[in-house]
Structure formats: C-alpha cells, structure tokens
Protein backbone atom coordinates (compact mmCIF):
# COMPACT_ATOMS: atom_id res chain seq x y z
CA MET A 1 81.85 82.06 260.48
CA THR A 2 78.85 81.09 258.43
CA GLU A 3 76.39 83.81 257.57
CA LYS A 4 72.70 82.81 257.52
CA THR A 5 70.38 84.30 254.95
CA ASN A 6 66.67 84.39 255.41
CA ALA A 7 65.68 83.96 251.79
CA GLU A 8 61.96 83.84 251.20
CA ILE A 9 60.60 81.32 248.73
CA ALA A 10 58.11 82.76 246.25
CA TYR A 11 55.42 80.45 244.91
CA LEU A 12 54.22 81.74 241.56
CA PRO A 13 51.29 80.50 239.46
CA PRO A 14 52.27 78.18 236.60
CA ALA A 15 50.95 80.56 233.92
CA VAL A 16 49.54 84.02 233.54
CA PRO A 17 45.73 83.92 233.78
CA PRO A 18 43.74 85.07 230.74
CA ALA A 19 43.19 88.81 230.50
CA ASN A 20 39.50 88.74 229.53
CA HIS A 21 38.42 89.68 233.10
CA GLY A 22 35.43 87.32 232.90
CA HIS A 23 33.93 88.96 229.81
CA THR A 24 32.70 85.67 228.36
CA VAL A 25 29.46 84.47 226.80
CA ALA A 26 28.77 82.27 229.82
CA ALA A 27 29.32 85.12 232.30
CA TRP A 28 27.23 87.64 230.37
CA THR A 29 24.38 85.14 229.90
CA ALA A 30 24.34 84.20 233.57
CA MET A 31 24.51 87.79 234.83
CA ILE A 32 21.85 89.18 232.49
CA GLY A 33 19.55 86.30 233.43
CA VAL A 34 20.17 86.85 237.15
CA MET A 35 19.44 90.57 236.81
CA ILE A 36 16.18 89.97 234.90
CA GLY A 37 15.09 87.29 237.35
CA SER A 38 15.91 89.54 240.29
CA LEU A 39 13.88 92.36 238.77
CA VAL A 40 10.88 90.05 238.27
CA ALA A 41 11.22 88.74 241.84
CA ALA A 42 11.44 92.30 243.19
CA ILE A 43 8.27 93.25 241.31
CA GLY A 44 6.62 90.19 242.84
CA VAL A 45 7.61 91.37 246.32
CA ALA A 46 6.44 94.94 245.69
CA MET A 47 3.04 93.94 244.24
CA PRO A 48 2.76 91.48 246.54
CA ALA A 49 2.38 88.50 244.22
CA VAL A 50 3.96 85.28 245.43
CA VAL A 51 3.70 83.61 242.01
CA VAL A 52 5.58 86.47 240.31
CA PHE A 53 8.29 86.28 242.98
CA TRP A 54 8.80 82.54 242.42
CA VAL A 55 8.79 82.97 238.64
CA GLY A 56 11.63 85.49 239.08
CA MET A 57 13.53 83.09 241.31
CA GLY A 58 13.04 80.37 238.68
CA VAL A 59 14.55 82.68 236.06
CA VAL A 60 17.56 83.27 238.35
CA LEU A 61 18.05 79.52 238.80
CA LEU A 62 17.68 78.88 235.07
CA ALA A 63 20.25 81.61 234.29
CA LEU A 64 22.77 80.11 236.70
CA VAL A 65 22.34 76.63 235.22
CA LEU A 66 22.61 78.02 231.68
CA GLY A 67 25.82 79.87 232.61
CA LEU A 68 27.27 76.67 234.05
CA VAL A 69 26.34 74.69 230.93
CA LEU A 70 27.88 77.33 228.67
CA ARG A 71 31.06 77.36 230.77
CA ASN A 72 31.35 73.58 230.49
CA MET A 73 30.79 73.82 226.72
CA GLY A 74 33.86 76.07 226.46
CA PHE A 75 32.24 79.52 226.37
CA GLY A 76 33.54 80.58 229.79
CA GLN A 77 36.87 81.46 231.34
CA PRO A 78 39.49 79.18 229.73
CA LYS A 79 41.24 76.70 231.94
CA PRO A 80 45.05 76.76 231.94
CA GLY A 81 46.40 74.79 228.98
CA VAL A 82 43.03 74.63 227.18
CA LYS A 83 42.30 76.84 224.17
CA PRO A 84 39.06 78.84 224.30
CA ARG A 85 36.26 77.56 222.07
CA ARG A 86 36.48 80.43 219.54
CA GLU A 87 40.23 79.83 219.03
CA ALA A 88 39.91 76.05 218.92
CA SER A 89 37.37 76.19 216.08
CA GLY A 90 39.59 78.42 213.95
CA HIS A 91 36.97 81.20 213.56
CA ARG A 92 37.94 84.81 214.17
CA HIS A 93 35.31 87.30 215.31
C-alpha cells in the first residue's frame, strides 16, 4: 500500500528585503512635500481661494516627481542585488 502525503510547496522570496522600512531620502522628501502641498491646498479650500488650492496641488505633484527622481537616482528603497547609493560610494554617515 502506498501512502499519499499532501505536502505543501512553500514559495519564498529570493532574499530578505531591506530593513529600513522605507526611511529613505526619496520617501521623506516626497512625503514632506505632499504634506506641505496638502496643507496649502486645504488653506486654499478654507479661504476659498482657487489659486492657492492649485498652487498646493502643484506642490504635491512636484513632490511626487521629486521623490520618483530621487528613487531612480538611488536614494530610495534598494532593489534586490543592488547596493544603496550611500554604500556604493564608500561614504559612511
């Protein structure tokens, strides 16, 4: 008699993700910019001043683009197999 086993296959990630929890220059820059832009836009809604609202929304958009640029320059979450910018340059902070 052959006994069947119902073994479950576990699919694990190839490597452990970095433990910085998103605390990167790109993330901080984007989030601070989004918060400032949101505050300006909220003031524009409360006043009511349409121009102030759109200036705030422009700041939000600029912050998101700046965060994306910084991430692509190596100041964001490292990709698997790629050293972060601060380690690649040899500088210790």
